Amino acid sequence: MRWIHAAGRGLLVVAVLLTGYTGFAAPPGTAPTGRGPMTLVTAGDLTDYLGPLLDDWNRSRPDERVTVVELPDSADETRAQMISELRSGSDRFDVLNIDVAWTSEFAAAGWISPLRRDRFPLDAFLAPVVDTATFDGQLYAVPYVTNAGLLYYRKDILDRAGERPPRTWAELARQARTIAPRYGMDGYAGQFLPYEGLTVNATEAVHSAGGSILRDDGSRVTVDSAAARAGLEFLAGGVRQGWISPKALGYKEEESRQAFQDGRLLFLRNWPYVYSAANAPGSKVAGKFGAVPLPGPSGPGTSVLGGSNLAVSRHSRHPESAADLITYLTSERVQRQVLTQGSLPPVRAALYEDPALIRAYPYLPTLRQSVLAAEPRPKSPRYEQVSLVVQAVVQAVLALRQTPQEAVARLSRELGAIARKG
């Protein structure tokens, strides 16, 4: 999504005019109609890698040509436009590369078709990413891009201070509070504006402390715990103590990346795309930073899985072409291009152990470690409502209008009302 996205760079939404295919369950009464041209819609191809990647497909399959349509570079706006089309029964969108957090919602609403596991090379993917593509025990999408949060840090400044990058919340808080001011910098930032990024950051804090928000199937609220309170207190404490600047409460991915890239931040939680951007010519921090797994209370914490999944619309027209396109986009050759040309984390496990790629992208082992330890966002057929509640409550915590204890009680109450809707 930008994905990112949660939330992220590279959120690709693919829409491919189709309607039935042996690789998924076609709508009742609908016969497969074979092959034909497709429309691929994306939430903003910020690195311009997608066109050249699809040129190979279009040259080799002129009768199944893919046309790219870009939606706004905002996950929330993209989701709204996609849902508007899907609810109307439009066949404009066929294969949708949806934010991993939307899979449950789209599947429960009947907007995307279940897929046959044996049609796709799932065993070749990083194991946790496959879970993001399932709902109620059924595969509804195919992983395309993954993401996990990393902690970026100013290596040059920590070296001068004789410090190592933090592994725990206490170390992060101490360094952000004591070292950053010496250099006129803010201590730490994530994505704290009330939008999907805040849900991600809050969920990471809760999971890192050993808590959760919903049970895996979304049927029960589990947020009322000491662990959840500890996770929210980590964020609230940063604001109270000043190592999370008030400015950071208005940051999304790009605002926080720019602050780090401009040399205004000692620590940044963000997605892997930042690594290439911050090392680009003209960056004030090029060659001066590193990336490590997110810290937790007593050691490495838990990231939330980001990324996007390819799903097939219930109203698709050319399903055989669409299935082939999904296979193409998840092949090892194309996944390598997704990384090298799009700066997006691939889902193919073997690429994270490729020596040539590791030389070019030194953060790959760290990212692999983070992905393998990551957790999905809360799964719910009403994910949008869940996320909006989390955003509103955590915003109140960061604004110091509500204590973590009050916030957990409020989350339990409001999320419980959503879960009871079925």
Protein backbone atom coordinates (compact mmCIF):
# COMPACT_ATOMS: atom_id res chain seq x y z
CA MET A 1 0.00 0.00 0.00
CA ARG A 2 1.74 2.76 -0.77
CA TRP A 3 2.59 -0.08 0.49
CA ILE A 4 2.46 0.16 1.97
CA HIS A 5 0.64 0.35 3.21
CA ALA A 6 -1.14 -0.04 5.98
CA ALA A 7 -0.72 1.41 5.12
CA GLY A 8 2.14 1.33 2.88
CA ARG A 9 3.92 1.76 -0.34
CA GLY A 10 3.17 -0.46 -3.23
CA LEU A 11 -0.42 -1.29 -2.41
CA LEU A 12 -1.30 -2.78 -5.67
CA VAL A 13 -4.92 -3.40 -6.36
CA VAL A 14 -5.40 -5.44 -9.44
CA ALA A 15 -8.68 -5.43 -11.20
CA VAL A 16 -9.04 -7.80 -14.09
CA LEU A 17 -12.37 -7.95 -15.92
CA LEU A 18 -13.37 -11.63 -15.35
CA THR A 19 -16.04 -14.07 -14.23
CA GLY A 20 -15.29 -17.64 -13.46
CA TYR A 21 -12.25 -19.86 -13.42
CA THR A 22 -11.35 -23.39 -12.42
CA GLY A 23 -8.87 -22.02 -9.86
CA PHE A 24 -11.66 -20.48 -7.76
CA ALA A 25 -15.32 -21.01 -7.05
CA ALA A 26 -17.38 -19.13 -9.61
CA PRO A 27 -20.64 -17.48 -8.52
CA PRO A 28 -23.65 -19.82 -8.62
CA GLY A 29 -25.18 -19.98 -12.09
CA THR A 30 -22.15 -18.39 -13.71
CA ALA A 31 -20.16 -20.21 -16.39
CA PRO A 32 -16.50 -19.48 -17.01
CA THR A 33 -16.01 -17.37 -20.10
CA GLY A 34 -12.30 -17.89 -20.60
CA ARG A 35 -9.71 -15.35 -21.47
CA GLY A 36 -9.50 -11.74 -22.47
CA PRO A 37 -8.10 -8.29 -21.68
CA MET A 38 -7.82 -7.12 -18.11
CA THR A 39 -7.77 -3.96 -16.06
CA LEU A 40 -5.30 -3.70 -13.22
CA VAL A 41 -6.05 -0.95 -10.73
CA THR A 42 -3.51 0.18 -8.17
CA ALA A 43 -3.45 2.63 -5.30
CA GLY A 44 -0.66 4.66 -6.84
CA ASP A 45 2.49 3.08 -8.26
CA LEU A 46 4.86 5.50 -6.55
CA THR A 47 8.03 3.86 -7.81
CA ASP A 48 6.78 3.45 -11.42
CA TYR A 49 7.91 -0.17 -11.53
CA LEU A 50 4.59 -1.69 -12.54
CA GLY A 51 4.42 -0.54 -16.16
CA PRO A 52 7.74 -2.09 -17.24
CA LEU A 53 6.92 -5.26 -15.30
CA LEU A 54 3.64 -5.64 -17.19
CA ASP A 55 5.24 -4.85 -20.55
CA ASP A 56 6.57 -8.42 -20.64
CA TRP A 57 3.10 -9.80 -20.03
CA ASN A 58 1.49 -7.57 -22.65
CA ARG A 59 4.08 -8.41 -25.32
CA SER A 60 3.67 -12.15 -24.81
CA ARG A 61 -0.14 -12.09 -24.41
CA PRO A 62 -1.59 -9.36 -26.63
CA ASP A 63 -5.08 -10.88 -26.42
CA GLU A 64 -4.95 -10.69 -22.61
CA ARG A 65 -3.50 -7.22 -22.35
CA VAL A 66 -3.47 -5.58 -18.93
CA THR A 67 -4.46 -1.92 -18.63
CA VAL A 68 -3.39 -0.13 -15.45
CA VAL A 69 -5.73 2.24 -13.63
CA GLU A 70 -4.33 4.04 -10.57
CA LEU A 71 -6.53 5.00 -7.64
CA PRO A 72 -5.52 7.66 -5.05
CA ASP A 73 -2.30 7.13 -3.10
CA SER A 74 -4.27 6.59 0.10
CA ALA A 75 -5.26 3.16 1.36
CA ASP A 76 -8.48 4.54 2.85
CA GLU A 77 -9.52 6.27 -0.39
CA THR A 78 -8.58 3.24 -2.46
CA ARG A 79 -10.65 0.96 -0.25
CA ALA A 80 -13.65 3.30 -0.47
CA GLN A 81 -13.54 3.41 -4.27
CA MET A 82 -13.08 -0.33 -4.57
CA ILE A 83 -15.99 -1.09 -2.25
CA SER A 84 -18.22 1.34 -4.12
CA GLU A 85 -17.59 -0.59 -7.34
CA LEU A 86 -17.95 -4.01 -5.70
CA ARG A 87 -21.19 -3.17 -3.94
CA SER A 88 -22.69 -1.96 -7.19
CA GLY A 89 -22.04 -5.33 -8.84
CA SER A 90 -19.73 -3.69 -11.35
CA ASP A 91 -17.45 -5.98 -13.35
CA ARG A 92 -14.86 -3.22 -13.72
CA PHE A 93 -12.61 -4.78 -11.07
CA ASP A 94 -11.55 -8.39 -11.39
CA VAL A 95 -8.37 -9.11 -9.50
CA LEU A 96 -7.91 -6.87 -6.51
CA ASN A 97 -4.59 -6.54 -4.77
CA ILE A 98 -6.08 -5.61 -1.44
CA ASP A 99 -4.49 -4.52 1.79
CA VAL A 100 -3.89 -7.65 3.83
CA ALA A 101 -6.22 -6.31 6.52
CA TRP A 102 -9.16 -6.20 4.08
CA THR A 103 -9.18 -9.88 3.15
CA SER A 104 -11.59 -10.94 5.91
CA GLU A 105 -13.96 -8.05 5.25
CA PHE A 106 -14.07 -8.57 1.48
CA ALA A 107 -14.46 -12.33 1.85
CA ALA A 108 -17.26 -12.07 4.42
CA ALA A 109 -19.10 -9.57 2.21
CA GLY A 110 -18.96 -11.96 -0.75
CA TRP A 111 -17.00 -9.54 -2.92
CA ILE A 112 -14.12 -11.90 -3.67
CA SER A 113 -14.07 -15.55 -4.66
CA PRO A 114 -12.48 -18.40 -2.70
CA LEU A 115 -9.36 -19.81 -4.35
CA ARG A 116 -7.96 -23.31 -4.64
CA ARG A 117 -4.75 -23.65 -2.63
CA ASP A 118 -3.21 -26.10 -5.08
CA ARG A 119 -3.39 -23.53 -7.88
CA PHE A 120 -0.70 -21.30 -6.35
CA PRO A 121 2.85 -21.87 -4.99
CA LEU A 122 1.99 -21.09 -1.36
CA ASP A 123 4.74 -23.34 0.02
CA ALA A 124 7.33 -21.06 -1.57
CA PHE A 125 6.10 -18.02 0.38
CA LEU A 126 7.10 -16.81 3.83
CA ALA A 127 4.71 -18.74 6.06
CA PRO A 128 3.05 -15.86 7.98
CA VAL A 129 2.00 -14.03 4.81
CA VAL A 130 -0.27 -16.88 3.73
CA ASP A 131 -2.35 -16.45 6.88
CA THR A 132 -3.22 -12.89 5.82
CA ALA A 133 -4.87 -14.30 2.68
CA THR A 134 -7.27 -16.62 4.51
CA PHE A 135 -10.63 -16.19 6.18
CA ASP A 136 -12.60 -18.82 8.07
CA GLY A 137 -10.15 -21.51 7.01
CA GLN A 138 -10.47 -20.74 3.28
CA LEU A 139 -7.97 -19.12 0.91
CA TYR A 140 -9.47 -15.95 -0.57
CA ALA A 141 -6.37 -14.27 -1.98
CA VAL A 142 -2.74 -14.86 -2.93
CA PRO A 143 0.04 -12.90 -1.19
CA TYR A 144 1.81 -10.47 -3.51
CA VAL A 145 3.76 -8.00 -1.36
CA THR A 146 4.55 -8.33 2.32
CA ASN A 147 5.67 -5.76 4.86
CA ALA A 148 6.79 -5.61 8.45
CA GLY A 149 7.69 -2.61 10.53
CA LEU A 150 11.35 -1.85 11.20
CA LEU A 151 13.08 0.51 13.61
CA TYR A 152 15.32 2.91 11.70
CA TYR A 153 18.04 4.59 13.75
CA ARG A 154 20.83 7.09 13.19
CA LYS A 155 23.87 4.84 13.36
CA ASP A 156 26.32 7.73 13.18
CA ILE A 157 24.81 9.40 16.24
CA LEU A 158 24.54 6.23 18.32
CA ASP A 159 28.16 5.44 17.42
CA ARG A 160 29.25 8.85 18.69
CA ALA A 161 27.37 8.21 21.92
CA GLY A 162 28.93 4.76 22.28
CA GLU A 163 25.50 3.12 22.14
CA ARG A 164 24.05 0.15 20.30
CA PRO A 165 20.58 0.26 18.68
CA PRO A 166 17.85 -0.42 21.24
CA ARG A 167 16.40 -3.91 21.74
CA THR A 168 13.90 -2.96 24.45
CA TRP A 169 11.38 -0.21 25.06
CA ALA A 170 13.40 1.03 28.04
CA GLU A 171 16.55 1.37 25.93
CA LEU A 172 14.62 3.14 23.17
CA ALA A 173 13.02 5.57 25.64
CA ARG A 174 16.34 6.36 27.36
CA GLN A 175 18.22 6.97 24.12
CA ALA A 176 15.39 8.97 22.55
CA ARG A 177 15.06 11.08 25.69
CA THR A 178 18.75 11.73 26.39
CA ILE A 179 20.66 11.51 23.08
CA ALA A 180 18.30 13.15 20.57
CA PRO A 181 18.17 16.57 22.32
CA ARG A 182 21.96 16.88 22.16
CA TYR A 183 21.68 17.01 18.39
CA GLY A 184 18.53 19.13 18.17
CA MET A 185 16.47 16.11 17.07
CA ASP A 186 13.17 14.56 18.04
CA GLY A 187 13.50 11.18 19.70
CA TYR A 188 11.01 8.79 18.12
CA ALA A 189 8.11 8.75 15.68
CA GLY A 190 5.81 6.27 14.09
CA GLN A 191 2.55 6.86 12.24
CA PHE A 192 0.36 8.48 14.87
CA LEU A 193 -2.22 10.45 12.86
CA PRO A 194 -5.65 8.82 13.35
CA TYR A 195 -5.80 6.66 10.21
CA GLU A 196 -4.88 3.05 9.43
CA GLY A 197 -1.24 3.66 10.35
CA LEU A 198 -2.24 4.43 13.94
CA THR A 199 -4.10 1.10 14.13
CA VAL A 200 -0.90 -0.60 12.97
CA ASN A 201 1.32 1.17 15.50
CA ALA A 202 -1.07 0.54 18.37
CA THR A 203 -1.52 -3.12 17.44
CA GLU A 204 2.26 -3.56 17.33
CA ALA A 205 2.60 -2.10 20.82
CA VAL A 206 -0.13 -4.37 22.19
CA HIS A 207 1.26 -7.50 20.51
CA SER A 208 4.82 -6.67 21.57
CA ALA A 209 3.65 -6.58 25.18
CA GLY A 210 2.08 -10.04 24.74
CA GLY A 211 -1.52 -8.92 24.26
CA SER A 212 -4.06 -9.00 21.47
CA ILE A 213 -7.14 -7.07 20.36
CA LEU A 214 -9.43 -9.75 18.91
CA ARG A 215 -9.36 -13.51 18.81
CA ASP A 216 -8.05 -14.87 15.47
CA ASP A 217 -11.53 -15.33 14.01
CA GLY A 218 -12.69 -11.92 15.22
CA SER A 219 -15.49 -13.40 17.31
CA ARG A 220 -14.24 -12.32 20.73
CA VAL A 221 -12.61 -9.18 22.10
CA THR A 222 -9.37 -9.88 23.97
CA VAL A 223 -8.00 -6.38 24.51
CA ASP A 224 -8.91 -6.08 28.21
CA SER A 225 -5.54 -7.21 29.56
CA ALA A 226 -2.50 -5.96 31.44
CA ALA A 227 -0.45 -6.49 28.27
CA ALA A 228 -2.68 -4.19 26.22
CA ARG A 229 -2.48 -1.54 28.93
CA ALA A 230 1.32 -1.85 28.92
CA GLY A 231 1.46 -1.44 25.15
CA LEU A 232 -0.61 1.74 25.22
CA GLU A 233 1.40 3.05 28.17
CA PHE A 234 4.59 2.72 26.12
CA LEU A 235 3.15 5.15 23.57
CA ALA A 236 1.51 7.47 26.12
CA GLY A 237 4.70 7.58 28.18
CA GLY A 238 6.65 8.73 25.15
CA VAL A 239 4.32 11.69 24.70
CA ARG A 240 4.33 12.59 28.40
CA GLN A 241 8.11 12.37 28.66
CA GLY A 242 8.68 14.27 25.42
CA TRP A 243 10.63 11.69 23.41
CA ILE A 244 7.60 11.43 21.14
CA SER A 245 7.17 14.96 19.82
CA PRO A 246 3.71 16.51 19.43
CA LYS A 247 4.59 16.89 15.74
CA ALA A 248 4.69 13.12 15.42
CA LEU A 249 0.98 12.93 16.28
CA GLY A 250 0.33 14.31 12.79
CA TYR A 251 2.60 11.89 10.91
CA LYS A 252 1.61 9.29 8.34
CA GLU A 253 4.20 7.16 6.53
CA GLU A 254 5.54 9.85 4.26
CA GLU A 255 5.63 12.65 6.83
CA SER A 256 7.57 10.45 9.25
CA ARG A 257 9.93 9.26 6.50
CA GLN A 258 10.66 12.82 5.48
CA ALA A 259 11.37 13.84 9.07
CA PHE A 260 13.90 11.00 9.40
CA GLN A 261 15.39 11.63 5.97
CA ASP A 262 15.81 15.32 6.75
CA GLY A 263 17.78 14.47 9.89
CA ARG A 264 15.09 15.51 12.35
CA LEU A 265 14.56 12.11 14.02
CA LEU A 266 16.82 9.75 15.94
CA PHE A 267 14.43 6.78 15.67
CA LEU A 268 11.64 5.96 13.23
CA ARG A 269 9.20 3.08 13.00
CA ASN A 270 8.28 2.60 9.34
CA TRP A 271 8.10 0.10 6.48
CA PRO A 272 11.05 -1.27 4.45
CA TYR A 273 10.54 1.13 1.52
CA VAL A 274 12.15 3.83 3.67
CA TYR A 275 15.54 2.13 3.40
CA SER A 276 15.99 2.85 -0.30
CA ALA A 277 14.42 6.30 -0.10
CA ALA A 278 16.61 7.40 2.80
CA ASN A 279 19.75 6.15 1.03
CA ALA A 280 18.93 7.93 -2.22
CA PRO A 281 21.07 10.80 -3.55
CA GLY A 282 20.19 14.03 -1.77
CA SER A 283 19.10 12.37 1.45
CA LYS A 284 20.72 13.95 4.50
CA VAL A 285 21.00 10.56 6.19
CA ALA A 286 22.29 8.45 3.30
CA GLY A 287 24.85 5.99 4.65
CA LYS A 288 24.26 7.16 8.21
CA PHE A 289 21.47 4.91 9.43
CA GLY A 290 20.59 1.30 10.09
CA ALA A 291 17.49 -0.81 10.65
CA VAL A 292 16.69 -3.39 13.34
CA PRO A 293 13.57 -5.25 14.47
CA LEU A 294 11.10 -3.27 16.53
CA PRO A 295 11.92 -3.37 20.26
CA GLY A 296 9.58 -4.76 22.90
CA PRO A 297 9.39 -4.76 26.70
CA SER A 298 12.26 -7.22 27.21
CA GLY A 299 13.65 -7.87 23.73
CA PRO A 300 12.57 -7.76 20.10
CA GLY A 301 8.92 -6.81 19.72
CA THR A 302 6.24 -7.88 17.29
CA SER A 303 5.51 -6.13 14.02
CA VAL A 304 2.17 -6.11 12.29
CA LEU A 305 2.16 -7.69 8.85
CA GLY A 306 1.54 -5.23 6.07
CA GLY A 307 1.43 -5.74 2.35
CA SER A 308 -1.16 -6.66 -0.20
CA ASN A 309 -2.92 -9.76 -1.51
CA LEU A 310 -4.30 -10.53 -4.95
CA ALA A 311 -7.98 -11.48 -4.86
CA VAL A 312 -10.50 -12.23 -7.61
CA SER A 313 -13.75 -10.29 -7.77
CA ARG A 314 -17.00 -12.24 -7.69
CA HIS A 315 -18.02 -10.34 -10.81
CA SER A 316 -14.91 -11.02 -12.89
CA ARG A 317 -15.26 -11.89 -16.60
CA HIS A 318 -11.98 -13.47 -17.69
CA PRO A 319 -10.95 -15.67 -14.77
CA GLU A 320 -8.49 -17.91 -16.58
CA SER A 321 -6.47 -14.89 -17.67
CA ALA A 322 -6.75 -13.43 -14.19
CA ALA A 323 -5.46 -16.60 -12.53
CA ASP A 324 -2.53 -16.67 -14.93
CA LEU A 325 -1.79 -13.03 -14.11
CA ILE A 326 -1.74 -13.81 -10.39
CA THR A 327 0.64 -16.70 -11.03
CA TYR A 328 2.83 -14.40 -13.12
CA LEU A 329 2.93 -11.65 -10.48
CA THR A 330 3.87 -14.14 -7.76
CA SER A 331 6.52 -16.00 -9.80
CA GLU A 332 10.07 -15.84 -8.48
CA ARG A 333 11.30 -13.82 -11.48
CA VAL A 334 8.64 -11.14 -11.08
CA GLN A 335 8.91 -11.13 -7.30
CA ARG A 336 12.61 -10.36 -7.73
CA GLN A 337 11.61 -7.37 -9.87
CA VAL A 338 9.06 -6.30 -7.27
CA LEU A 339 12.02 -5.88 -4.91
CA THR A 340 14.67 -4.54 -7.28
CA GLN A 341 12.46 -2.22 -9.33
CA GLY A 342 9.64 -1.45 -6.91
CA SER A 343 11.53 -1.44 -3.59
CA LEU A 344 8.72 -3.61 -2.21
CA PRO A 345 9.25 -6.67 0.02
CA PRO A 346 8.54 -9.87 -1.92
CA VAL A 347 6.63 -12.85 -0.54
CA ARG A 348 8.99 -15.50 -1.96
CA ALA A 349 11.10 -16.88 0.92
CA ALA A 350 14.13 -17.81 -1.20
CA LEU A 351 14.75 -14.19 -2.19
CA TYR A 352 15.55 -13.27 1.41
CA GLU A 353 18.51 -15.66 1.36
CA ASP A 354 19.93 -14.64 -2.02
CA PRO A 355 23.49 -13.33 -1.42
CA ALA A 356 23.37 -10.87 -4.32
CA LEU A 357 20.11 -9.37 -3.11
CA ILE A 358 21.38 -9.14 0.47
CA ARG A 359 24.42 -7.20 -0.75
CA ALA A 360 22.12 -4.76 -2.54
CA TYR A 361 19.50 -4.68 0.23
CA PRO A 362 21.32 -5.24 3.56
CA TYR A 363 18.07 -5.02 5.53
CA LEU A 364 16.65 -8.24 4.01
CA PRO A 365 17.76 -10.55 6.87
CA THR A 366 16.30 -8.13 9.41
CA LEU A 367 13.09 -7.88 7.43
CA ARG A 368 12.84 -11.66 7.15
CA GLN A 369 13.24 -11.93 10.92
CA SER A 370 10.54 -9.30 11.44
CA VAL A 371 8.10 -10.93 8.99
CA LEU A 372 8.53 -14.38 10.50
CA ALA A 373 7.78 -12.96 13.97
CA ALA A 374 4.97 -10.68 12.82
CA GLU A 375 1.25 -10.95 13.51
CA PRO A 376 -1.69 -9.96 11.27
CA ARG A 377 -3.96 -7.11 12.21
CA PRO A 378 -7.25 -8.05 13.90
CA LYS A 379 -9.30 -10.25 11.58
CA SER A 380 -12.92 -9.16 11.39
CA PRO A 381 -15.69 -9.01 8.79
CA ARG A 382 -16.12 -5.46 10.07
CA TYR A 383 -12.48 -4.54 9.99
CA GLU A 384 -13.10 -0.91 9.00
CA GLN A 385 -15.24 -0.38 12.11
CA VAL A 386 -12.67 -2.13 14.29
CA SER A 387 -9.87 0.04 12.92
CA LEU A 388 -11.84 3.28 13.34
CA VAL A 389 -12.52 2.45 17.00
CA VAL A 390 -8.85 1.67 17.64
CA GLN A 391 -7.80 4.91 15.96
CA ALA A 392 -10.22 7.04 17.97
CA VAL A 393 -9.32 5.48 21.31
CA VAL A 394 -5.56 5.49 20.79
CA GLN A 395 -5.69 9.09 19.56
CA ALA A 396 -7.26 10.00 22.91
CA VAL A 397 -4.43 8.17 24.69
CA LEU A 398 -1.74 9.98 22.71
CA ALA A 399 -3.47 13.30 23.33
CA LEU A 400 -3.33 12.40 27.05
CA ARG A 401 -7.09 12.77 27.32
CA GLN A 402 -7.53 9.15 28.38
CA THR A 403 -5.37 6.80 30.43
CA PRO A 404 -4.35 3.42 29.02
CA GLN A 405 -6.57 1.76 31.61
CA GLU A 406 -9.57 3.83 30.55
CA ALA A 407 -8.72 3.23 26.90
CA VAL A 408 -8.61 -0.55 27.26
CA ALA A 409 -12.00 -0.55 28.99
CA ARG A 410 -13.42 1.64 26.21
CA LEU A 411 -11.91 -0.57 23.50
CA SER A 412 -13.38 -3.67 25.11
CA ARG A 413 -16.81 -2.06 25.27
CA GLU A 414 -16.90 -0.60 21.75
CA LEU A 415 -15.25 -3.53 20.00
CA GLY A 416 -17.56 -5.89 21.85
CA ALA A 417 -20.55 -4.07 20.36
CA ILE A 418 -19.07 -4.58 16.87
CA ALA A 419 -18.36 -8.27 17.49
CA ARG A 420 -21.93 -8.85 18.70
CA LYS A 421 -23.25 -7.72 15.32
CA GLY A 422 -22.02 -11.07 13.99
